[in-house]
Amino acid sequence: MLNRKIRLKTHWPEMTLALAIIAFIAYFGAFAFLRQVNYLSGRFDLGIMDQTVWNTAHGRFFTLVDPNGLYGEVSRFS
Protein backbone atom coordinates (compact mmCIF):
# COMPACT_ATOMS: atom_id res chain seq x y z
CA MET A 1 0.00 0.00 0.00
CA LEU A 2 2.82 2.39 0.84
CA ASN A 3 4.54 1.66 -2.47
CA ARG A 4 1.34 2.52 -4.34
CA LYS A 5 1.03 5.89 -2.57
CA ILE A 6 4.64 6.73 -3.37
CA ARG A 7 4.09 5.79 -7.01
CA LEU A 8 0.97 7.98 -7.18
CA LYS A 9 2.82 10.92 -5.65
CA THR A 10 5.72 10.68 -8.09
CA HIS A 11 3.71 10.06 -11.26
CA TRP A 12 0.65 12.28 -10.77
CA PRO A 13 1.65 14.79 -13.50
CA GLU A 14 1.94 12.02 -16.11
CA MET A 15 -1.33 10.43 -15.04
CA THR A 16 -3.11 13.80 -15.05
CA LEU A 17 -1.79 14.53 -18.54
CA ALA A 18 -2.82 11.09 -19.80
CA LEU A 19 -6.31 11.56 -18.35
CA ALA A 20 -6.59 15.01 -19.94
CA ILE A 21 -5.51 13.63 -23.34
CA ILE A 22 -8.04 10.79 -23.13
CA ALA A 23 -10.81 13.21 -22.15
CA PHE A 24 -9.86 15.57 -25.02
CA ILE A 25 -9.91 12.77 -27.60
CA ALA A 26 -13.20 11.37 -26.30
CA TYR A 27 -14.96 14.74 -26.16
CA PHE A 28 -13.90 16.11 -29.53
CA GLY A 29 -14.20 12.71 -31.23
CA ALA A 30 -17.78 12.39 -30.03
CA PHE A 31 -18.47 16.02 -30.97
CA ALA A 32 -17.20 15.54 -34.54
CA PHE A 33 -19.05 12.25 -34.94
CA LEU A 34 -22.37 13.59 -33.62
CA ARG A 35 -22.04 16.74 -35.72
CA GLN A 36 -21.58 14.65 -38.86
CA VAL A 37 -24.38 12.21 -37.95
CA ASN A 38 -26.84 15.04 -37.33
CA TYR A 39 -25.97 16.70 -40.67
CA LEU A 40 -24.65 19.88 -39.08
CA SER A 41 -21.58 19.82 -41.31
CA GLY A 42 -21.02 19.86 -45.02
CA ARG A 43 -20.98 16.67 -47.03
CA PHE A 44 -17.22 16.80 -47.59
CA ASP A 45 -16.07 17.84 -44.10
CA LEU A 46 -14.93 14.44 -42.87
CA GLY A 47 -14.72 12.78 -46.28
CA ILE A 48 -12.05 15.08 -47.64
CA MET A 49 -9.91 14.81 -44.53
CA ASP A 50 -10.35 11.03 -44.41
CA GLN A 51 -9.36 10.62 -48.05
CA THR A 52 -6.35 12.92 -47.72
CA VAL A 53 -5.10 11.12 -44.60
CA TRP A 54 -5.59 7.74 -46.27
CA ASN A 55 -3.73 8.84 -49.42
CA THR A 56 -0.91 10.31 -47.33
CA ALA A 57 -0.60 7.05 -45.39
CA HIS A 58 -0.25 5.20 -48.70
CA GLY A 59 2.49 7.40 -50.17
CA ARG A 60 0.42 9.99 -52.05
CA PHE A 61 1.13 13.00 -49.84
CA PHE A 62 -1.75 15.49 -49.41
CA THR A 63 -3.53 14.18 -52.52
CA LEU A 64 -7.26 14.48 -52.97
CA VAL A 65 -9.26 13.19 -55.93
CA ASP A 66 -11.42 16.00 -57.31
CA PRO A 67 -15.07 15.16 -56.55
CA ASN A 68 -16.20 16.74 -59.83
CA GLY A 69 -13.69 14.77 -61.88
CA LEU A 70 -12.48 17.82 -63.78
CA TYR A 71 -8.79 17.86 -62.96
CA GLY A 72 -8.02 14.33 -61.82
CA GLU A 73 -6.00 14.48 -58.62
CA VAL A 74 -5.73 17.72 -56.69
CA SER A 75 -3.13 18.50 -54.03
CA ARG A 76 -4.50 20.34 -50.97
CA PHE A 77 -2.27 21.79 -48.27
CA SER A 78 -4.93 22.94 -45.81
PDB file of N, CA and C in Angstrom:
ATOM      1  N   MET A   1       0.821  -1.197   0.000  1.00  0.00           N
ATOM      2  CA  MET A   1       0.000   0.000   0.000  1.00  0.00           C
ATOM      3  C   MET A   1       0.860   1.255   0.000  1.00  0.00           C
ATOM      4  N   LEU A   2       1.932   1.233   0.766  1.00  0.00           N
ATOM      5  CA  LEU A   2       2.817   2.391   0.837  1.00  0.00           C
ATOM      6  C   LEU A   2       3.502   2.629  -0.503  1.00  0.00           C
ATOM      7  N   ASN A   3       3.892   1.541  -1.162  1.00  0.00           N
ATOM      8  CA  ASN A   3       4.541   1.656  -2.466  1.00  0.00           C
ATOM      9  C   ASN A   3       3.599   2.292  -3.488  1.00  0.00           C
ATOM     10  N   ARG A   4       2.322   1.958  -3.414  1.00  0.00           N
ATOM     11  CA  ARG A   4       1.339   2.524  -4.345  1.00  0.00           C
ATOM     12  C   ARG A   4       1.172   4.025  -4.118  1.00  0.00           C
ATOM     13  N   LYS A   5       1.147   4.458  -2.871  1.00  0.00           N
ATOM     14  CA  LYS A   5       1.027   5.886  -2.568  1.00  0.00           C
ATOM     15  C   LYS A   5       2.245   6.655  -3.057  1.00  0.00           C
ATOM     16  N   ILE A   6       3.417   6.076  -2.892  1.00  0.00           N
ATOM     17  CA  ILE A   6       4.641   6.731  -3.371  1.00  0.00           C
ATOM     18  C   ILE A   6       4.607   6.839  -4.889  1.00  0.00           C
ATOM     19  N   ARG A   7       4.170   5.776  -5.552  1.00  0.00           N
ATOM     20  CA  ARG A   7       4.087   5.789  -7.010  1.00  0.00           C
ATOM     21  C   ARG A   7       3.089   6.839  -7.496  1.00  0.00           C
ATOM     22  N   LEU A   8       1.954   6.961  -6.811  1.00  0.00           N
ATOM     23  CA  LEU A   8       0.965   7.977  -7.178  1.00  0.00           C
ATOM     24  C   LEU A   8       1.511   9.380  -6.983  1.00  0.00           C
ATOM     25  N   LYS A   9       2.252   9.598  -5.904  1.00  0.00           N
ATOM     26  CA  LYS A   9       2.817  10.923  -5.648  1.00  0.00           C
ATOM     27  C   LYS A   9       3.860  11.302  -6.687  1.00  0.00           C
ATOM     28  N   THR A  10       4.645  10.351  -7.145  1.00  0.00           N
ATOM     29  CA  THR A  10       5.719  10.685  -8.086  1.00  0.00           C
ATOM     30  C   THR A  10       5.237  10.776  -9.527  1.00  0.00           C
ATOM     31  N   HIS A  11       4.151  10.095  -9.860  1.00  0.00           N
ATOM     32  CA  HIS A  11       3.706  10.062 -11.260  1.00  0.00           C
ATOM     33  C   HIS A  11       2.383  10.780 -11.497  1.00  0.00           C
ATOM     34  N   TRP A  12       1.936  11.621 -10.581  1.00  0.00           N
ATOM     35  CA  TRP A  12       0.647  12.281 -10.771  1.00  0.00           C
ATOM     36  C   TRP A  12       0.630  13.234 -11.956  1.00  0.00           C
ATOM     37  N   PRO A  13       1.733  13.929 -12.308  1.00  0.00           N
ATOM     38  CA  PRO A  13       1.647  14.789 -13.503  1.00  0.00           C
ATOM     39  C   PRO A  13       1.422  13.986 -14.788  1.00  0.00           C
ATOM     40  N   GLU A  14       2.111  12.848 -14.914  1.00  0.00           N
ATOM     41  CA  GLU A  14       1.943  12.020 -16.107  1.00  0.00           C
ATOM     42  C   GLU A  14       0.536  11.436 -16.184  1.00  0.00           C
ATOM     43  N   MET A  15       0.013  11.001 -15.044  1.00  0.00           N
ATOM     44  CA  MET A  15      -1.334  10.434 -15.037  1.00  0.00           C
ATOM     45  C   MET A  15      -2.390  11.503 -15.307  1.00  0.00           C
ATOM     46  N   THR A  16      -2.177  12.699 -14.786  1.00  0.00           N
ATOM     47  CA  THR A  16      -3.106  13.798 -15.050  1.00  0.00           C
ATOM     48  C   THR A  16      -3.093  14.166 -16.527  1.00  0.00           C
ATOM     49  N   LEU A  17      -1.902  14.226 -17.112  1.00  0.00           N
ATOM     50  CA  LEU A  17      -1.787  14.530 -18.538  1.00  0.00           C
ATOM     51  C   LEU A  17      -2.443  13.444 -19.385  1.00  0.00           C
ATOM     52  N   ALA A  18      -2.206  12.189 -19.045  1.00  0.00           N
ATOM     53  CA  ALA A  18      -2.820  11.088 -19.796  1.00  0.00           C
ATOM     54  C   ALA A  18      -4.342  11.144 -19.699  1.00  0.00           C
ATOM     55  N   LEU A  19      -4.861  11.437 -18.532  1.00  0.00           N
ATOM     56  CA  LEU A  19      -6.307  11.555 -18.355  1.00  0.00           C
ATOM     57  C   LEU A  19      -6.871  12.728 -19.152  1.00  0.00           C
ATOM     58  N   ALA A  20      -6.148  13.847 -19.168  1.00  0.00           N
ATOM     59  CA  ALA A  20      -6.594  15.011 -19.941  1.00  0.00           C
ATOM     60  C   ALA A  20      -6.589  14.706 -21.440  1.00  0.00           C
ATOM     61  N   ILE A  21      -5.580  13.986 -21.914  1.00  0.00           N
ATOM     62  CA  ILE A  21      -5.505  13.626 -23.335  1.00  0.00           C
ATOM     63  C   ILE A  21      -6.661  12.695 -23.710  1.00  0.00           C
ATOM     64  N   ILE A  22      -6.934  11.713 -22.865  1.00  0.00           N
ATOM     65  CA  ILE A  22      -8.038  10.789 -23.134  1.00  0.00           C
ATOM     66  C   ILE A  22      -9.372  11.528 -23.146  1.00  0.00           C
ATOM     67  N   ALA A  23      -9.565  12.439 -22.200  1.00  0.00           N
ATOM     68  CA  ALA A  23     -10.806  13.215 -22.154  1.00  0.00           C
ATOM     69  C   ALA A  23     -10.946  14.103 -23.388  1.00  0.00           C
ATOM     70  N   PHE A  24      -9.851  14.717 -23.833  1.00  0.00           N
ATOM     71  CA  PHE A  24      -9.860  15.572 -25.020  1.00  0.00           C
ATOM     72  C   PHE A  24     -10.253  14.771 -26.255  1.00  0.00           C
ATOM     73  N   ILE A  25      -9.623  13.617 -26.437  1.00  0.00           N
ATOM     74  CA  ILE A  25      -9.908  12.770 -27.598  1.00  0.00           C
ATOM     75  C   ILE A  25     -11.355  12.285 -27.568  1.00  0.00           C
ATOM     76  N   ALA A  26     -11.823  11.865 -26.407  1.00  0.00           N
ATOM     77  CA  ALA A  26     -13.198  11.368 -26.301  1.00  0.00           C
ATOM     78  C   ALA A  26     -14.208  12.475 -26.576  1.00  0.00           C
ATOM     79  N   TYR A  27     -13.997  13.650 -26.002  1.00  0.00           N
ATOM     80  CA  TYR A  27     -14.960  14.740 -26.162  1.00  0.00           C
ATOM     81  C   TYR A  27     -15.028  15.220 -27.608  1.00  0.00           C
ATOM     82  N   PHE A  28     -13.877  15.560 -28.183  1.00  0.00           N
ATOM     83  CA  PHE A  28     -13.898  16.108 -29.533  1.00  0.00           C
ATOM     84  C   PHE A  28     -14.173  15.044 -30.590  1.00  0.00           C
ATOM     85  N   GLY A  29     -13.818  13.792 -30.321  1.00  0.00           N
ATOM     86  CA  GLY A  29     -14.195  12.712 -31.228  1.00  0.00           C
ATOM     87  C   GLY A  29     -15.697  12.520 -31.268  1.00  0.00           C
ATOM     88  N   ALA A  30     -16.318  12.515 -30.097  1.00  0.00           N
ATOM     89  CA  ALA A  30     -17.777  12.391 -30.033  1.00  0.00           C
ATOM     90  C   ALA A  30     -18.453  13.610 -30.650  1.00  0.00           C
ATOM     91  N   PHE A  31     -17.906  14.795 -30.405  1.00  0.00           N
ATOM     92  CA  PHE A  31     -18.469  16.019 -30.969  1.00  0.00           C
ATOM     93  C   PHE A  31     -18.442  15.980 -32.496  1.00  0.00           C
ATOM     94  N   ALA A  32     -17.311  15.601 -33.082  1.00  0.00           N
ATOM     95  CA  ALA A  32     -17.204  15.543 -34.539  1.00  0.00           C
ATOM     96  C   ALA A  32     -18.131  14.476 -35.115  1.00  0.00           C
ATOM     97  N   PHE A  33     -18.186  13.327 -34.460  1.00  0.00           N
ATOM     98  CA  PHE A  33     -19.050  12.255 -34.945  1.00  0.00           C
ATOM     99  C   PHE A  33     -20.519  12.661 -34.890  1.00  0.00           C
ATOM    100  N   LEU A  34     -20.960  13.199 -33.759  1.00  0.00           N
ATOM    101  CA  LEU A  34     -22.367  13.590 -33.623  1.00  0.00           C
ATOM    102  C   LEU A  34     -22.724  14.742 -34.550  1.00  0.00           C
ATOM    103  N   ARG A  35     -21.789  15.629 -34.789  1.00  0.00           N
ATOM    104  CA  ARG A  35     -22.039  16.737 -35.716  1.00  0.00           C
ATOM    105  C   ARG A  35     -22.257  16.202 -37.129  1.00  0.00           C
ATOM    106  N   GLN A  36     -21.444  15.236 -37.529  1.00  0.00           N
ATOM    107  CA  GLN A  36     -21.579  14.654 -38.859  1.00  0.00           C
ATOM    108  C   GLN A  36     -22.866  13.838 -38.962  1.00  0.00           C
ATOM    109  N   VAL A  37     -23.180  13.057 -37.941  1.00  0.00           N
ATOM    110  CA  VAL A  37     -24.376  12.214 -37.952  1.00  0.00           C
ATOM    111  C   VAL A  37     -25.641  13.062 -38.025  1.00  0.00           C
ATOM    112  N   ASN A  38     -25.651  14.186 -37.358  1.00  0.00           N
ATOM    113  CA  ASN A  38     -26.836  15.044 -37.328  1.00  0.00           C
ATOM    114  C   ASN A  38     -26.877  16.040 -38.484  1.00  0.00           C
ATOM    115  N   TYR A  39     -26.000  15.870 -39.460  1.00  0.00           N
ATOM    116  CA  TYR A  39     -25.972  16.703 -40.666  1.00  0.00           C
ATOM    117  C   TYR A  39     -25.763  18.185 -40.370  1.00  0.00           C
ATOM    118  N   LEU A  40     -24.964  18.486 -39.379  1.00  0.00           N
ATOM    119  CA  LEU A  40     -24.648  19.878 -39.081  1.00  0.00           C
ATOM    120  C   LEU A  40     -23.331  20.303 -39.714  1.00  0.00           C
ATOM    121  N   SER A  41     -22.808  19.477 -40.593  1.00  0.00           N
ATOM    122  CA  SER A  41     -21.582  19.819 -41.305  1.00  0.00           C
ATOM    123  C   SER A  41     -21.796  19.532 -42.784  1.00  0.00           C
ATOM    124  N   GLY A  42     -20.912  20.071 -43.590  1.00  0.00           N
ATOM    125  CA  GLY A  42     -21.022  19.861 -45.024  1.00  0.00           C
ATOM    126  C   GLY A  42     -20.745  18.426 -45.411  1.00  0.00           C
ATOM    127  N   ARG A  43     -21.123  18.070 -46.617  1.00  0.00           N
ATOM    128  CA  ARG A  43     -20.980  16.671 -47.027  1.00  0.00           C
ATOM    129  C   ARG A  43     -19.541  16.236 -47.196  1.00  0.00           C
ATOM    130  N   PHE A  44     -18.615  17.170 -47.386  1.00  0.00           N
ATOM    131  CA  PHE A  44     -17.220  16.797 -47.592  1.00  0.00           C
ATOM    132  C   PHE A  44     -16.341  17.042 -46.374  1.00  0.00           C
ATOM    133  N   ASP A  45     -16.898  17.497 -45.258  1.00  0.00           N
ATOM    134  CA  ASP A  45     -16.075  17.843 -44.103  1.00  0.00           C
ATOM    135  C   ASP A  45     -15.166  16.707 -43.661  1.00  0.00           C
ATOM    136  N   LEU A  46     -15.742  15.566 -43.326  1.00  0.00           N
ATOM    137  CA  LEU A  46     -14.931  14.445 -42.870  1.00  0.00           C
ATOM    138  C   LEU A  46     -14.419  13.607 -44.030  1.00  0.00           C
ATOM    139  N   GLY A  47     -15.140  13.588 -45.136  1.00  0.00           N
ATOM    140  CA  GLY A  47     -14.725  12.782 -46.279  1.00  0.00           C
ATOM    141  C   GLY A  47     -13.429  13.246 -46.906  1.00  0.00           C
ATOM    142  N   ILE A  48     -13.268  14.549 -47.049  1.00  0.00           N
ATOM    143  CA  ILE A  48     -12.047  15.085 -47.645  1.00  0.00           C
ATOM    144  C   ILE A  48     -10.855  14.809 -46.742  1.00  0.00           C
ATOM    145  N   MET A  49     -11.018  15.053 -45.450  1.00  0.00           N
ATOM    146  CA  MET A  49      -9.913  14.813 -44.528  1.00  0.00           C
ATOM    147  C   MET A  49      -9.573  13.329 -44.465  1.00  0.00           C
ATOM    148  N   ASP A  50     -10.583  12.468 -44.468  1.00  0.00           N
ATOM    149  CA  ASP A  50     -10.350  11.032 -44.414  1.00  0.00           C
ATOM    150  C   ASP A  50      -9.599  10.560 -45.654  1.00  0.00           C
ATOM    151  N   GLN A  51     -10.014  11.029 -46.812  1.00  0.00           N
ATOM    152  CA  GLN A  51      -9.358  10.617 -48.051  1.00  0.00           C
ATOM    153  C   GLN A  51      -7.920  11.130 -48.122  1.00  0.00           C
ATOM    154  N   THR A  52      -7.699  12.355 -47.688  1.00  0.00           N
ATOM    155  CA  THR A  52      -6.355  12.920 -47.719  1.00  0.00           C
ATOM    156  C   THR A  52      -5.433  12.188 -46.752  1.00  0.00           C
ATOM    157  N   VAL A  53      -5.914  11.871 -45.563  1.00  0.00           N
ATOM    158  CA  VAL A  53      -5.096  11.125 -44.599  1.00  0.00           C
ATOM    159  C   VAL A  53      -4.801   9.729 -45.133  1.00  0.00           C
ATOM    160  N   TRP A  54      -5.792   9.077 -45.731  1.00  0.00           N
ATOM    161  CA  TRP A  54      -5.587   7.736 -46.274  1.00  0.00           C
ATOM    162  C   TRP A  54      -4.565   7.767 -47.409  1.00  0.00           C
ATOM    163  N   ASN A  55      -4.692   8.731 -48.320  1.00  0.00           N
ATOM    164  CA  ASN A  55      -3.734   8.844 -49.417  1.00  0.00           C
ATOM    165  C   ASN A  55      -2.334   9.144 -48.904  1.00  0.00           C
ATOM    166  N   THR A  56      -2.213  10.002 -47.896  1.00  0.00           N
ATOM    167  CA  THR A  56      -0.905  10.313 -47.330  1.00  0.00           C
ATOM    168  C   THR A  56      -0.296   9.072 -46.693  1.00  0.00           C
ATOM    169  N   ALA A  57      -1.097   8.273 -46.016  1.00  0.00           N
ATOM    170  CA  ALA A  57      -0.596   7.052 -45.386  1.00  0.00           C
ATOM    171  C   ALA A  57      -0.128   6.032 -46.416  1.00  0.00           C
ATOM    172  N   HIS A  58      -0.632   6.135 -47.647  1.00  0.00           N
ATOM    173  CA  HIS A  58      -0.253   5.197 -48.697  1.00  0.00           C
ATOM    174  C   HIS A  58       0.707   5.804 -49.715  1.00  0.00           C
ATOM    175  N   GLY A  59       1.414   6.865 -49.335  1.00  0.00           N
ATOM    176  CA  GLY A  59       2.485   7.398 -50.167  1.00  0.00           C
ATOM    177  C   GLY A  59       2.096   8.507 -51.122  1.00  0.00           C
ATOM    178  N   ARG A  60       0.853   8.896 -51.186  1.00  0.00           N
ATOM    179  CA  ARG A  60       0.425   9.995 -52.054  1.00  0.00           C
ATOM    180  C   ARG A  60       0.135  11.198 -51.167  1.00  0.00           C
ATOM    181  N   PHE A  61       1.185  11.969 -50.863  1.00  0.00           N
ATOM    182  CA  PHE A  61       1.130  13.004 -49.840  1.00  0.00           C
ATOM    183  C   PHE A  61       0.172  14.136 -50.200  1.00  0.00           C
ATOM    184  N   PHE A  62      -0.776  14.405 -49.309  1.00  0.00           N
ATOM    185  CA  PHE A  62      -1.748  15.494 -49.413  1.00  0.00           C
ATOM    186  C   PHE A  62      -2.493  15.478 -50.746  1.00  0.00           C
ATOM    187  N   THR A  63      -2.839  14.302 -51.243  1.00  0.00           N
ATOM    188  CA  THR A  63      -3.528  14.177 -52.523  1.00  0.00           C
ATOM    189  C   THR A  63      -5.010  13.918 -52.290  1.00  0.00           C
ATOM    190  N   LEU A  64      -5.816  14.628 -53.045  1.00  0.00           N
ATOM    191  CA  LEU A  64      -7.265  14.480 -52.972  1.00  0.00           C
ATOM    192  C   LEU A  64      -7.796  14.341 -54.390  1.00  0.00           C
ATOM    193  N   VAL A  65      -8.637  13.350 -54.628  1.00  0.00           N
ATOM    194  CA  VAL A  65      -9.263  13.194 -55.933  1.00  0.00           C
ATOM    195  C   VAL A  65     -10.384  14.216 -56.033  1.00  0.00           C
ATOM    196  N   ASP A  66     -10.411  14.962 -57.120  1.00  0.00           N
ATOM    197  CA  ASP A  66     -11.422  16.005 -57.311  1.00  0.00           C
ATOM    198  C   ASP A  66     -12.806  15.366 -57.392  1.00  0.00           C
ATOM    199  N   PRO A  67     -13.737  15.791 -56.538  1.00  0.00           N
ATOM    200  CA  PRO A  67     -15.068  15.163 -56.548  1.00  0.00           C
ATOM    201  C   PRO A  67     -15.837  15.400 -57.841  1.00  0.00           C
ATOM    202  N   ASN A  68     -15.513  16.451 -58.575  1.00  0.00           N
ATOM    203  CA  ASN A  68     -16.199  16.736 -59.831  1.00  0.00           C
ATOM    204  C   ASN A  68     -15.564  16.021 -61.010  1.00  0.00           C
ATOM    205  N   GLY A  69     -14.366  15.493 -60.823  1.00  0.00           N
ATOM    206  CA  GLY A  69     -13.690  14.766 -61.875  1.00  0.00           C
ATOM    207  C   GLY A  69     -13.130  15.635 -62.985  1.00  0.00           C
ATOM    208  N   LEU A  70     -12.949  16.917 -62.730  1.00  0.00           N
ATOM    209  CA  LEU A  70     -12.481  17.819 -63.780  1.00  0.00           C
ATOM    210  C   LEU A  70     -10.972  17.782 -63.966  1.00  0.00           C
ATOM    211  N   TYR A  71     -10.245  17.715 -62.880  1.00  0.00           N
ATOM    212  CA  TYR A  71      -8.795  17.861 -62.960  1.00  0.00           C
ATOM    213  C   TYR A  71      -8.042  16.607 -62.543  1.00  0.00           C
ATOM    214  N   GLY A  72      -8.700  15.528 -62.289  1.00  0.00           N
ATOM    215  CA  GLY A  72      -8.019  14.328 -61.822  1.00  0.00           C
ATOM    216  C   GLY A  72      -7.685  14.472 -60.352  1.00  0.00           C
ATOM    217  N   GLU A  73      -6.410  14.367 -60.014  1.00  0.00           N
ATOM    218  CA  GLU A  73      -6.000  14.481 -58.625  1.00  0.00           C
ATOM    219  C   GLU A  73      -5.608  15.908 -58.306  1.00  0.00           C
ATOM    220  N   VAL A  74      -5.997  16.360 -57.138  1.00  0.00           N
ATOM    221  CA  VAL A  74      -5.727  17.722 -56.692  1.00  0.00           C
ATOM    222  C   VAL A  74      -4.925  17.631 -55.405  1.00  0.00           C
ATOM    223  N   SER A  75      -3.906  18.470 -55.259  1.00  0.00           N
ATOM    224  CA  SER A  75      -3.129  18.501 -54.026  1.00  0.00           C
ATOM    225  C   SER A  75      -3.629  19.639 -53.154  1.00  0.00           C
ATOM    226  N   ARG A  76      -3.969  19.330 -51.904  1.00  0.00           N
ATOM    227  CA  ARG A  76      -4.497  20.338 -50.975  1.00  0.00           C
ATOM    228  C   ARG A  76      -3.584  20.414 -49.760  1.00  0.00           C
ATOM    229  N   PHE A  77      -3.111  21.587 -49.443  1.00  0.00           N
ATOM    230  CA  PHE A  77      -2.269  21.791 -48.270  1.00  0.00           C
ATOM    231  C   PHE A  77      -3.022  22.633 -47.252  1.00  0.00           C
ATOM    232  N   SER A  78      -4.157  22.151 -46.776  1.00  0.00           N
ATOM    233  CA  SER A  78      -4.933  22.937 -45.813  1.00  0.00           C
ATOM    234  C   SER A  78      -4.982  22.279 -44.474  1.00  0.00           C
TER     235      SER A  78
END
